[in-house]
Structures are given as structure tokens and as C-alpha cells.
Amino acid sequence: MVTIRRIVCCCGNGLGSSLIVQMNLEKVLADLNITGVQVSHHSVSEVYEYSADLFVIGKDLEAAFLAMPRKIILQDIVSKEELKEKLQKAFKMKTEEYCIR
């Protein structure tokens, strides 16, 4: 089981949408009283398989992240409710690899 200590939010350029997801993710982590997790945002080209314990991306980037072992695919990148639901699932996962859609 992988402990989630680093989460990376990604988008095409690593600027707009990934920053929005990062800010929402930080709020959701606080709401869930989850501490000790570093959250950052990057472009697709800046990440590799072990650059994070968990990747959070929009559905438009799913094909680019097929090789990543742990990921959350967001249907609506601004939905805190969707993010919270999927993040809770991720923290309960017992397997080394998963994709939460």
C-alpha cells in the first residue's frame, strides 16, 4: 500500500486548470482533516511515474496518464464535491495501482 504524501495536479501547460484543481484539493484536504500531504501543479511534460504518489487530472488527459500507477480522473475539474468523493476513495485504496474515474 502506498501512503499518499505527494499529490500532483496536471494540465496541458501546468498553469490555469491545474492551479484551480490544486487550490480546490488543498481546501478538500483541510475539510477532511488530512495533513502531511504536499500538493503541487505541473504540466503533463513535467511529470513522470514516481514524481507523485497520486495524480489528479481532467478527463481530457486520461490517455496521457495511462502509465501512471495511481490517478484520479475528474469529469468536472471545478467540482469540489467530485474531488472530495474521489479523494476519499484514493486514501482508502489498498492496491499499488488504481484509477478512480
Protein backbone atom coordinates (compact mmCIF):
# COMPACT_ATOMS: atom_id res chain seq x y z
CA MET A 1 0.00 0.00 0.00
CA VAL A 2 1.31 3.42 -0.96
CA THR A 3 0.93 6.24 1.55
CA ILE A 4 -0.20 9.42 -0.17
CA ARG A 5 2.22 12.18 0.78
CA ARG A 6 2.59 13.99 -2.54
CA ILE A 7 -0.23 14.81 -4.96
CA VAL A 8 0.38 16.42 -8.33
CA CYS A 9 -2.39 18.13 -10.30
CA CYS A 10 -1.69 18.29 -14.03
CA CYS A 11 -2.97 20.09 -17.08
CA GLY A 12 -1.64 20.74 -20.55
CA ASN A 13 0.52 23.74 -19.64
CA GLY A 14 0.70 23.50 -15.85
CA LEU A 15 -0.88 26.90 -15.35
CA GLY A 16 -4.62 27.50 -15.27
CA SER A 17 -6.69 24.40 -14.67
CA SER A 18 -4.05 22.53 -12.66
CA LEU A 19 -3.72 25.52 -10.32
CA ILE A 20 -7.50 25.61 -9.83
CA VAL A 21 -7.52 21.88 -9.03
CA GLN A 22 -4.60 22.36 -6.62
CA MET A 23 -6.41 25.11 -4.72
CA ASN A 24 -9.60 23.03 -4.53
CA LEU A 25 -7.62 19.98 -3.46
CA GLU A 26 -5.95 21.88 -0.64
CA LYS A 27 -9.39 23.02 0.59
CA VAL A 28 -10.79 19.48 0.40
CA LEU A 29 -7.80 18.06 2.30
CA ALA A 30 -8.35 20.66 5.03
CA ASP A 31 -12.09 19.85 5.15
CA LEU A 32 -11.22 16.16 5.58
CA ASN A 33 -8.59 16.96 8.24
CA ILE A 34 -5.88 15.27 6.17
CA THR A 35 -2.45 16.71 6.89
CA GLY A 36 1.11 15.96 5.80
CA VAL A 37 0.30 15.97 2.09
CA GLN A 38 2.23 18.17 -0.34
CA VAL A 39 0.16 19.37 -3.30
CA SER A 40 1.61 20.94 -6.45
CA HIS A 41 0.63 21.54 -10.06
CA HIS A 42 2.57 20.86 -13.25
CA SER A 43 2.24 20.40 -16.96
CA VAL A 44 1.98 16.91 -18.43
CA SER A 45 5.52 17.16 -19.78
CA GLU A 46 6.98 17.84 -16.31
CA VAL A 47 5.85 14.67 -14.57
CA TYR A 48 6.97 11.07 -14.57
CA GLU A 49 5.69 7.90 -12.92
CA TYR A 50 7.27 8.43 -9.49
CA SER A 51 7.02 12.22 -9.24
CA ALA A 52 3.90 11.81 -7.08
CA ASP A 53 2.02 9.28 -5.00
CA LEU A 54 -1.20 10.38 -6.70
CA PHE A 55 -2.00 12.32 -9.87
CA VAL A 56 -5.19 14.36 -10.28
CA ILE A 57 -6.12 15.20 -13.86
CA GLY A 58 -9.05 16.16 -16.03
CA LYS A 59 -10.65 13.55 -18.27
CA ASP A 60 -9.06 15.21 -21.32
CA LEU A 61 -5.61 14.00 -20.16
CA GLU A 62 -6.52 10.41 -19.28
CA ALA A 63 -4.74 8.93 -22.32
CA ALA A 64 -1.51 10.74 -21.41
CA PHE A 65 -1.53 9.17 -17.93
CA LEU A 66 -2.14 5.52 -18.78
CA ALA A 67 1.28 4.53 -17.38
CA MET A 68 0.82 6.37 -14.09
CA PRO A 69 0.03 3.90 -11.32
CA ARG A 70 -2.32 5.99 -9.16
CA LYS A 71 -4.63 8.62 -10.54
CA ILE A 72 -7.91 10.41 -10.12
CA ILE A 73 -9.72 11.39 -13.32
CA LEU A 74 -12.03 14.37 -12.85
CA GLN A 75 -15.09 14.78 -15.06
CA ASP A 76 -15.55 18.36 -13.80
CA ILE A 77 -12.28 19.95 -12.67
CA VAL A 78 -14.01 22.67 -10.65
CA SER A 79 -16.31 20.36 -8.69
CA LYS A 80 -15.14 20.14 -5.09
CA GLU A 81 -17.81 17.53 -4.42
CA GLU A 82 -16.45 15.19 -7.09
CA LEU A 83 -12.89 15.82 -5.92
CA LYS A 84 -13.79 15.09 -2.30
CA GLU A 85 -15.58 11.84 -3.16
CA LYS A 86 -12.73 10.57 -5.31
CA LEU A 87 -10.03 11.70 -2.89
CA GLN A 88 -11.68 9.81 -0.05
CA LYS A 89 -11.66 6.68 -2.21
CA ALA A 90 -7.98 7.17 -3.03
CA PHE A 91 -6.99 7.40 0.62
CA LYS A 92 -8.82 4.11 1.28
CA MET A 93 -7.21 2.19 -1.59
CA LYS A 94 -5.12 -0.81 -0.59
CA THR A 95 -3.66 -1.60 -4.02
CA GLU A 96 -0.48 -0.25 -5.58
CA GLU A 97 -2.24 0.80 -8.79
CA TYR A 98 -5.66 2.33 -9.34
CA CYS A 99 -7.60 4.73 -11.49
CA ILE A 100 -10.58 6.46 -9.93
CA ARG A 101 -12.93 7.80 -12.60
